[in-house]
Amino acid sequence: PSAALVAKLKDGGVLCMPTVGAVAHATKAVALGADL
């Protein structure tokens, strides 16, 4: 996941929903702005 691309999505009103396969991936995704 790219922090810059996640920010552009969020600024544009798009919900960010990454797929994760580990707890570390989940916490990183949320820190970057994942909504779901």
Full PDB file with SEQRES, HELIX, SHEET, SSBOND, CRYST1, ORIGX, SCALE, CONECT and MASTER records, all heavy atoms in Angstrom:
SEQRES   1 A   36  PRO SER ALA ALA LEU VAL ALA LYS LEU LYS ASP GLY GLY          
SEQRES   2 A   36  VAL LEU CYS MET PRO THR VAL GLY ALA VAL ALA HIS ALA          
SEQRES   3 A   36  THR LYS ALA VAL ALA LEU GLY ALA ASP LEU                      
HELIX    1 AA1 ALA A    3  ASP A   11  1                                   9    
HELIX    2 AA2 VAL A   23  LEU A   32  1                                  10    
CRYST1    1.000    1.000    1.000  90.00  90.00  90.00 P 1           1          
ORIGX1      1.000000  0.000000  0.000000        0.00000                         
ORIGX2      0.000000  1.000000  0.000000        0.00000                         
ORIGX3      0.000000  0.000000  1.000000        0.00000                         
SCALE1      1.000000  0.000000  0.000000        0.00000                         
SCALE2      0.000000  1.000000  0.000000        0.00000                         
SCALE3      0.000000  0.000000  1.000000        0.00000                         
ATOM      1  N   PRO A   1       0.831  -1.200   0.000  1.00  0.00           N  
ATOM      2  CA  PRO A   1       0.000   0.000   0.000  1.00  0.00           C  
ATOM      3  C   PRO A   1       0.870   1.258   0.000  1.00  0.00           C  
ATOM      4  O   PRO A   1       1.881   1.329   0.688  1.00  0.00           O  
ATOM      5  CB  PRO A   1      -0.811  -0.113   1.291  1.00  0.00           C  
ATOM      6  CG  PRO A   1      -0.034  -1.029   2.157  1.00  0.00           C  
ATOM      7  CD  PRO A   1       0.704  -1.951   1.236  1.00  0.00           C  
ATOM      8  N   SER A   2       0.478   2.223  -0.795  1.00  0.00           N  
ATOM      9  CA  SER A   2       1.179   3.489  -0.901  1.00  0.00           C  
ATOM     10  C   SER A   2       0.446   4.531  -0.064  1.00  0.00           C  
ATOM     11  O   SER A   2      -0.735   4.788  -0.307  1.00  0.00           O  
ATOM     12  CB  SER A   2       1.224   3.928  -2.366  1.00  0.00           C  
ATOM     13  OG  SER A   2       1.454   5.311  -2.472  1.00  0.00           O  
ATOM     14  N   ALA A   3       1.145   5.133   0.890  1.00  0.00           N  
ATOM     15  CA  ALA A   3       0.521   6.158   1.729  1.00  0.00           C  
ATOM     16  C   ALA A   3      -0.004   7.306   0.881  1.00  0.00           C  
ATOM     17  O   ALA A   3      -1.087   7.837   1.140  1.00  0.00           O  
ATOM     18  CB  ALA A   3       1.523   6.667   2.764  1.00  0.00           C  
ATOM     19  N   ALA A   4       0.729   7.682  -0.168  1.00  0.00           N  
ATOM     20  CA  ALA A   4       0.308   8.788  -1.033  1.00  0.00           C  
ATOM     21  C   ALA A   4      -0.974   8.433  -1.791  1.00  0.00           C  
ATOM     22  O   ALA A   4      -1.890   9.263  -1.899  1.00  0.00           O  
ATOM     23  CB  ALA A   4       1.416   9.152  -2.009  1.00  0.00           C  
ATOM     24  N   LEU A   5      -1.068   7.194  -2.304  1.00  0.00           N  
ATOM     25  CA  LEU A   5      -2.270   6.801  -3.042  1.00  0.00           C  
ATOM     26  C   LEU A   5      -3.467   6.634  -2.115  1.00  0.00           C  
ATOM     27  O   LEU A   5      -4.591   7.001  -2.474  1.00  0.00           O  
ATOM     28  CB  LEU A   5      -2.019   5.531  -3.847  1.00  0.00           C  
ATOM     29  CG  LEU A   5      -1.028   5.674  -5.011  1.00  0.00           C  
ATOM     30  CD1 LEU A   5      -0.891   4.353  -5.768  1.00  0.00           C  
ATOM     31  CD2 LEU A   5      -1.404   6.808  -5.944  1.00  0.00           C  
ATOM     32  N   VAL A   6      -3.239   6.095  -0.920  1.00  0.00           N  
ATOM     33  CA  VAL A   6      -4.329   5.983   0.056  1.00  0.00           C  
ATOM     34  C   VAL A   6      -4.848   7.379   0.391  1.00  0.00           C  
ATOM     35  O   VAL A   6      -6.064   7.611   0.435  1.00  0.00           O  
ATOM     36  CB  VAL A   6      -3.871   5.227   1.323  1.00  0.00           C  
ATOM     37  CG1 VAL A   6      -4.917   5.334   2.431  1.00  0.00           C  
ATOM     38  CG2 VAL A   6      -3.574   3.773   1.010  1.00  0.00           C  
ATOM     39  N   ALA A   7      -3.947   8.332   0.586  1.00  0.00           N  
ATOM     40  CA  ALA A   7      -4.358   9.711   0.902  1.00  0.00           C  
ATOM     41  C   ALA A   7      -5.185  10.307  -0.239  1.00  0.00           C  
ATOM     42  O   ALA A   7      -6.196  10.978   0.006  1.00  0.00           O  
ATOM     43  CB  ALA A   7      -3.141  10.571   1.194  1.00  0.00           C  
ATOM     44  N   LYS A   8      -4.781  10.060  -1.490  1.00  0.00           N  
ATOM     45  CA  LYS A   8      -5.542  10.582  -2.634  1.00  0.00           C  
ATOM     46  C   LYS A   8      -6.941   9.976  -2.688  1.00  0.00           C  
ATOM     47  O   LYS A   8      -7.916  10.670  -2.981  1.00  0.00           O  
ATOM     48  CB  LYS A   8      -4.808  10.293  -3.940  1.00  0.00           C  
ATOM     49  CG  LYS A   8      -3.635  11.201  -4.185  1.00  0.00           C  
ATOM     50  CD  LYS A   8      -2.990  10.917  -5.527  1.00  0.00           C  
ATOM     51  CE  LYS A   8      -1.819  11.852  -5.727  1.00  0.00           C  
ATOM     52  NZ  LYS A   8      -1.250  11.738  -7.071  1.00  0.00           N  
ATOM     53  N   LEU A   9      -7.028   8.676  -2.413  1.00  0.00           N  
ATOM     54  CA  LEU A   9      -8.338   8.021  -2.397  1.00  0.00           C  
ATOM     55  C   LEU A   9      -9.220   8.631  -1.320  1.00  0.00           C  
ATOM     56  O   LEU A   9     -10.366   8.997  -1.573  1.00  0.00           O  
ATOM     57  CB  LEU A   9      -8.175   6.516  -2.184  1.00  0.00           C  
ATOM     58  CG  LEU A   9      -7.598   5.733  -3.356  1.00  0.00           C  
ATOM     59  CD1 LEU A   9      -7.089   4.374  -2.896  1.00  0.00           C  
ATOM     60  CD2 LEU A   9      -8.625   5.594  -4.476  1.00  0.00           C  
ATOM     61  N   LYS A  10      -8.689   8.741  -0.124  1.00  0.00           N  
ATOM     62  CA  LYS A  10      -9.472   9.262   0.993  1.00  0.00           C  
ATOM     63  C   LYS A  10      -9.882  10.713   0.755  1.00  0.00           C  
ATOM     64  O   LYS A  10     -11.019  11.090   1.014  1.00  0.00           O  
ATOM     65  CB  LYS A  10      -8.697   9.111   2.290  1.00  0.00           C  
ATOM     66  CG  LYS A  10      -8.545   7.632   2.701  1.00  0.00           C  
ATOM     67  CD  LYS A  10      -7.803   7.467   3.988  1.00  0.00           C  
ATOM     68  CE  LYS A  10      -8.621   7.871   5.176  1.00  0.00           C  
ATOM     69  NZ  LYS A  10      -9.846   7.095   5.424  1.00  0.00           N  
ATOM     70  N   ASP A  11      -8.951  11.524   0.237  1.00  0.00           N  
ATOM     71  CA  ASP A  11      -9.273  12.922  -0.073  1.00  0.00           C  
ATOM     72  C   ASP A  11     -10.377  13.013  -1.120  1.00  0.00           C  
ATOM     73  O   ASP A  11     -11.144  13.969  -1.130  1.00  0.00           O  
ATOM     74  CB  ASP A  11      -8.029  13.668  -0.570  1.00  0.00           C  
ATOM     75  CG  ASP A  11      -7.012  13.927   0.538  1.00  0.00           C  
ATOM     76  OD1 ASP A  11      -7.352  13.756   1.726  1.00  0.00           O  
ATOM     77  OD2 ASP A  11      -5.865  14.288   0.194  1.00  0.00           O  
ATOM     78  N   GLY A  12     -10.467  12.009  -1.988  1.00  0.00           N  
ATOM     79  CA  GLY A  12     -11.481  11.979  -3.021  1.00  0.00           C  
ATOM     80  C   GLY A  12     -12.781  11.323  -2.597  1.00  0.00           C  
ATOM     81  O   GLY A  12     -13.687  11.134  -3.421  1.00  0.00           O  
ATOM     82  N   GLY A  13     -12.889  10.924  -1.338  1.00  0.00           N  
ATOM     83  CA  GLY A  13     -14.121  10.337  -0.833  1.00  0.00           C  
ATOM     84  C   GLY A  13     -14.287   8.853  -1.102  1.00  0.00           C  
ATOM     85  O   GLY A  13     -15.382   8.314  -0.949  1.00  0.00           O  
ATOM     86  N   VAL A  14     -13.204   8.178  -1.496  1.00  0.00           N  
ATOM     87  CA  VAL A  14     -13.254   6.738  -1.769  1.00  0.00           C  
ATOM     88  C   VAL A  14     -12.876   5.987  -0.492  1.00  0.00           C  
ATOM     89  O   VAL A  14     -11.853   6.292   0.125  1.00  0.00           O  
ATOM     90  CB  VAL A  14     -12.284   6.356  -2.914  1.00  0.00           C  
ATOM     91  CG1 VAL A  14     -12.345   4.859  -3.196  1.00  0.00           C  
ATOM     92  CG2 VAL A  14     -12.594   7.161  -4.171  1.00  0.00           C  
ATOM     93  N   LEU A  15     -13.692   5.027  -0.096  1.00  0.00           N  
ATOM     94  CA  LEU A  15     -13.365   4.199   1.064  1.00  0.00           C  
ATOM     95  C   LEU A  15     -12.234   3.245   0.699  1.00  0.00           C  
ATOM     96  O   LEU A  15     -12.244   2.643  -0.379  1.00  0.00           O  
ATOM     97  CB  LEU A  15     -14.582   3.390   1.516  1.00  0.00           C  
ATOM     98  CG  LEU A  15     -15.750   4.182   2.089  1.00  0.00           C  
ATOM     99  CD1 LEU A  15     -16.940   3.263   2.330  1.00  0.00           C  
ATOM    100  CD2 LEU A  15     -15.341   4.887   3.372  1.00  0.00           C  
ATOM    101  N   CYS A  16     -11.282   3.084   1.597  1.00  0.00           N  
ATOM    102  CA  CYS A  16     -10.118   2.212   1.377  1.00  0.00           C  
ATOM    103  C   CYS A  16     -10.323   0.897   2.118  1.00  0.00           C  
ATOM    104  O   CYS A  16     -10.506   0.890   3.336  1.00  0.00           O  
ATOM    105  CB  CYS A  16      -8.849   2.899   1.852  1.00  0.00           C  
ATOM    106  SG  CYS A  16      -8.450   4.366   0.876  1.00  0.00           S  
ATOM    107  N   MET A  17     -10.285  -0.227   1.367  1.00  0.00           N  
ATOM    108  CA  MET A  17     -10.557  -1.546   1.919  1.00  0.00           C  
ATOM    109  C   MET A  17      -9.487  -2.540   1.455  1.00  0.00           C  
ATOM    110  O   MET A  17      -9.713  -3.318   0.533  1.00  0.00           O  
ATOM    111  CB  MET A  17     -11.952  -2.015   1.498  1.00  0.00           C  
ATOM    112  CG  MET A  17     -12.375  -3.316   2.158  1.00  0.00           C  
ATOM    113  SD  MET A  17     -14.068  -3.808   1.719  1.00  0.00           S  
ATOM    114  CE  MET A  17     -13.808  -4.408   0.056  1.00  0.00           C  
ATOM    115  N   PRO A  18      -8.314  -2.520   2.079  1.00  0.00           N  
ATOM    116  CA  PRO A  18      -7.274  -3.469   1.678  1.00  0.00           C  
ATOM    117  C   PRO A  18      -7.548  -4.875   2.208  1.00  0.00           C  
ATOM    118  O   PRO A  18      -8.266  -5.056   3.188  1.00  0.00           O  
ATOM    119  CB  PRO A  18      -6.009  -2.900   2.318  1.00  0.00           C  
ATOM    120  CG  PRO A  18      -6.505  -2.169   3.514  1.00  0.00           C  
ATOM    121  CD  PRO A  18      -7.845  -1.605   3.124  1.00  0.00           C  
ATOM    122  N   THR A  19      -6.945  -5.850   1.543  1.00  0.00           N  
ATOM    123  CA  THR A  19      -6.966  -7.233   1.999  1.00  0.00           C  
ATOM    124  C   THR A  19      -5.672  -7.496   2.746  1.00  0.00           C  
ATOM    125  O   THR A  19      -4.592  -7.140   2.268  1.00  0.00           O  
ATOM    126  CB  THR A  19      -7.089  -8.194   0.801  1.00  0.00           C  
ATOM    127  OG1 THR A  19      -8.330  -7.929   0.150  1.00  0.00           O  
ATOM    128  CG2 THR A  19      -7.050  -9.646   1.238  1.00  0.00           C  
ATOM    129  N   VAL A  20      -5.780  -8.123   3.918  1.00  0.00           N  
ATOM    130  CA  VAL A  20      -4.608  -8.406   4.739  1.00  0.00           C  
ATOM    131  C   VAL A  20      -4.582  -9.882   5.118  1.00  0.00           C  
ATOM    132  O   VAL A  20      -5.624 -10.528   5.192  1.00  0.00           O  
ATOM    133  CB  VAL A  20      -4.576  -7.524   6.006  1.00  0.00           C  
ATOM    134  CG1 VAL A  20      -4.505  -6.047   5.637  1.00  0.00           C  
ATOM    135  CG2 VAL A  20      -5.784  -7.780   6.897  1.00  0.00           C  
ATOM    136  N   GLY A  21      -3.381 -10.385   5.361  1.00  0.00           N  
ATOM    137  CA  GLY A  21      -3.215 -11.780   5.727  1.00  0.00           C  
ATOM    138  C   GLY A  21      -2.423 -11.992   6.998  1.00  0.00           C  
ATOM    139  O   GLY A  21      -2.020 -13.111   7.309  1.00  0.00           O  
ATOM    140  N   ALA A  22      -2.197 -10.909   7.733  1.00  0.00           N  
ATOM    141  CA  ALA A  22      -1.463 -10.990   8.997  1.00  0.00           C  
ATOM    142  C   ALA A  22      -1.860  -9.799   9.856  1.00  0.00           C  
ATOM    143  O   ALA A  22      -2.256  -8.748   9.331  1.00  0.00           O  
ATOM    144  CB  ALA A  22       0.044 -10.980   8.747  1.00  0.00           C  
ATOM    145  N   VAL A  23      -1.727  -9.943  11.160  1.00  0.00           N  
ATOM    146  CA  VAL A  23      -2.057  -8.852  12.075  1.00  0.00           C  
ATOM    147  C   VAL A  23      -1.190  -7.632  11.777  1.00  0.00           C  
ATOM    148  O   VAL A  23      -1.686  -6.500  11.756  1.00  0.00           O  
ATOM    149  CB  VAL A  23      -1.912  -9.301  13.545  1.00  0.00           C  
ATOM    150  CG1 VAL A  23      -2.074  -8.125  14.498  1.00  0.00           C  
ATOM    151  CG2 VAL A  23      -2.929 -10.386  13.871  1.00  0.00           C  
ATOM    152  N   ALA A  24       0.091  -7.832  11.503  1.00  0.00           N  
ATOM    153  CA  ALA A  24       0.987  -6.709  11.200  1.00  0.00           C  
ATOM    154  C   ALA A  24       0.520  -5.957   9.957  1.00  0.00           C  
ATOM    155  O   ALA A  24       0.595  -4.722   9.908  1.00  0.00           O  
ATOM    156  CB  ALA A  24       2.414  -7.206  11.010  1.00  0.00           C  
ATOM    157  N   HIS A  25       0.028  -6.680   8.957  1.00  0.00           N  
ATOM    158  CA  HIS A  25      -0.490  -6.030   7.745  1.00  0.00           C  
ATOM    159  C   HIS A  25      -1.735  -5.205   8.086  1.00  0.00           C  
ATOM    160  O   HIS A  25      -1.925  -4.108   7.548  1.00  0.00           O  
ATOM    161  CB  HIS A  25      -0.855  -7.048   6.678  1.00  0.00           C  
ATOM    162  CG  HIS A  25       0.268  -7.920   6.260  1.00  0.00           C  
ATOM    163  ND1 HIS A  25       0.072  -9.142   5.675  1.00  0.00           N  
ATOM    164  CD2 HIS A  25       1.619  -7.764   6.344  1.00  0.00           C  
ATOM    165  CE1 HIS A  25       1.231  -9.703   5.420  1.00  0.00           C  
ATOM    166  NE2 HIS A  25       2.180  -8.892   5.817  1.00  0.00           N  
ATOM    167  N   ALA A  26      -2.575  -5.738   8.957  1.00  0.00           N  
ATOM    168  CA  ALA A  26      -3.806  -5.046   9.336  1.00  0.00           C  
ATOM    169  C   ALA A  26      -3.504  -3.744  10.064  1.00  0.00           C  
ATOM    170  O   ALA A  26      -4.080  -2.697   9.738  1.00  0.00           O  
ATOM    171  CB  ALA A  26      -4.674  -5.959  10.211  1.00  0.00           C  
ATOM    172  N   THR A  27      -2.621  -3.790  11.037  1.00  0.00           N  
ATOM    173  CA  THR A  27      -2.319  -2.572  11.797  1.00  0.00           C  
ATOM    174  C   THR A  27      -1.633  -1.531  10.913  1.00  0.00           C  
ATOM    175  O   THR A  27      -1.899  -0.338  11.041  1.00  0.00           O  
ATOM    176  CB  THR A  27      -1.478  -2.883  13.046  1.00  0.00           C  
ATOM    177  OG1 THR A  27      -0.281  -3.570  12.668  1.00  0.00           O  
ATOM    178  CG2 THR A  27      -2.263  -3.737  14.034  1.00  0.00           C  
ATOM    179  N   LYS A  28      -0.778  -1.970   9.988  1.00  0.00           N  
ATOM    180  CA  LYS A  28      -0.146  -1.032   9.062  1.00  0.00           C  
ATOM    181  C   LYS A  28      -1.183  -0.404   8.141  1.00  0.00           C  
ATOM    182  O   LYS A  28      -1.170   0.810   7.909  1.00  0.00           O  
ATOM    183  CB  LYS A  28       0.926  -1.731   8.225  1.00  0.00           C  
ATOM    184  CG  LYS A  28       1.580  -0.806   7.209  1.00  0.00           C  
ATOM    185  CD  LYS A  28       2.613  -1.515   6.362  1.00  0.00           C  
ATOM    186  CE  LYS A  28       3.213  -0.566   5.330  1.00  0.00           C  
ATOM    187  NZ  LYS A  28       4.184  -1.246   4.467  1.00  0.00           N  
ATOM    188  N   ALA A  29      -2.099  -1.216   7.614  1.00  0.00           N  
ATOM    189  CA  ALA A  29      -3.131  -0.705   6.711  1.00  0.00           C  
ATOM    190  C   ALA A  29      -3.995   0.345   7.405  1.00  0.00           C  
ATOM    191  O   ALA A  29      -4.314   1.381   6.818  1.00  0.00           O  
ATOM    192  CB  ALA A  29      -3.987  -1.855   6.188  1.00  0.00           C  
ATOM    193  N   VAL A  30      -4.369   0.092   8.642  1.00  0.00           N  
ATOM    194  CA  VAL A  30      -5.185   1.046   9.391  1.00  0.00           C  
ATOM    195  C   VAL A  30      -4.384   2.318   9.659  1.00  0.00           C  
ATOM    196  O   VAL A  30      -4.903   3.430   9.529  1.00  0.00           O  
ATOM    197  CB  VAL A  30      -5.728   0.410  10.687  1.00  0.00           C  
ATOM    198  CG1 VAL A  30      -6.387   1.452  11.570  1.00  0.00           C  
ATOM    199  CG2 VAL A  30      -6.716  -0.705  10.344  1.00  0.00           C  
ATOM    200  N   ALA A  31      -3.110   2.175   9.990  1.00  0.00           N  
ATOM    201  CA  ALA A  31      -2.265   3.346  10.224  1.00  0.00           C  
ATOM    202  C   ALA A  31      -2.154   4.208   8.962  1.00  0.00           C  
ATOM    203  O   ALA A  31      -2.051   5.436   9.046  1.00  0.00           O  
ATOM    204  CB  ALA A  31      -0.873   2.913  10.688  1.00  0.00           C  
ATOM    205  N   LEU A  32      -2.213   3.574   7.796  1.00  0.00           N  
ATOM    206  CA  LEU A  32      -2.152   4.304   6.527  1.00  0.00           C  
ATOM    207  C   LEU A  32      -3.506   4.895   6.131  1.00  0.00           C  
ATOM    208  O   LEU A  32      -3.582   5.656   5.175  1.00  0.00           O  
ATOM    209  CB  LEU A  32      -1.650   3.393   5.408  1.00  0.00           C  
ATOM    210  CG  LEU A  32      -0.172   3.035   5.451  1.00  0.00           C  
ATOM    211  CD1 LEU A  32       0.158   2.005   4.375  1.00  0.00           C  
ATOM    212  CD2 LEU A  32       0.697   4.272   5.293  1.00  0.00           C  
ATOM    213  N   GLY A  33      -4.578   4.508   6.837  1.00  0.00           N  
ATOM    214  CA  GLY A  33      -5.874   5.109   6.567  1.00  0.00           C  
ATOM    215  C   GLY A  33      -6.979   4.185   6.110  1.00  0.00           C  
ATOM    216  O   GLY A  33      -8.036   4.659   5.676  1.00  0.00           O  
ATOM    217  N   ALA A  34      -6.790   2.884   6.190  1.00  0.00           N  
ATOM    218  CA  ALA A  34      -7.850   1.959   5.770  1.00  0.00           C  
ATOM    219  C   ALA A  34      -9.132   2.219   6.552  1.00  0.00           C  
ATOM    220  O   ALA A  34      -9.099   2.401   7.765  1.00  0.00           O  
ATOM    221  CB  ALA A  34      -7.405   0.513   5.964  1.00  0.00           C  
ATOM    222  N   ASP A  35     -10.247   2.224   5.831  1.00  0.00           N  
ATOM    223  CA  ASP A  35     -11.560   2.421   6.450  1.00  0.00           C  
ATOM    224  C   ASP A  35     -12.197   1.111   6.852  1.00  0.00           C  
ATOM    225  O   ASP A  35     -13.020   1.064   7.767  1.00  0.00           O  
ATOM    226  CB  ASP A  35     -12.490   3.129   5.462  1.00  0.00           C  
ATOM    227  CG  ASP A  35     -11.955   4.481   5.050  1.00  0.00           C  
ATOM    228  OD1 ASP A  35     -11.920   5.372   5.913  1.00  0.00           O  
ATOM    229  OD2 ASP A  35     -11.561   4.636   3.877  1.00  0.00           O  
ATOM    230  N   LEU A  36     -11.878   0.049   6.129  1.00  0.00           N  
ATOM    231  CA  LEU A  36     -12.392  -1.302   6.330  1.00  0.00           C  
ATOM    232  C   LEU A  36     -11.246  -2.240   5.985  1.00  0.00           C  
ATOM    233  O   LEU A  36     -10.337  -1.856   5.251  1.00  0.00           O  
ATOM    234  CB  LEU A  36     -13.550  -1.596   5.368  1.00  0.00           C  
ATOM    235  CG  LEU A  36     -14.680  -0.588   5.257  1.00  0.00           C  
ATOM    236  CD1 LEU A  36     -15.177  -0.500   3.827  1.00  0.00           C  
ATOM    237  CD2 LEU A  36     -15.811  -1.018   6.156  1.00  0.00           C  
TER     238      LEU A  36                                                      
MASTER        0    0    0    2    0    0    0    6  237    1    0    3          
END                                                                             
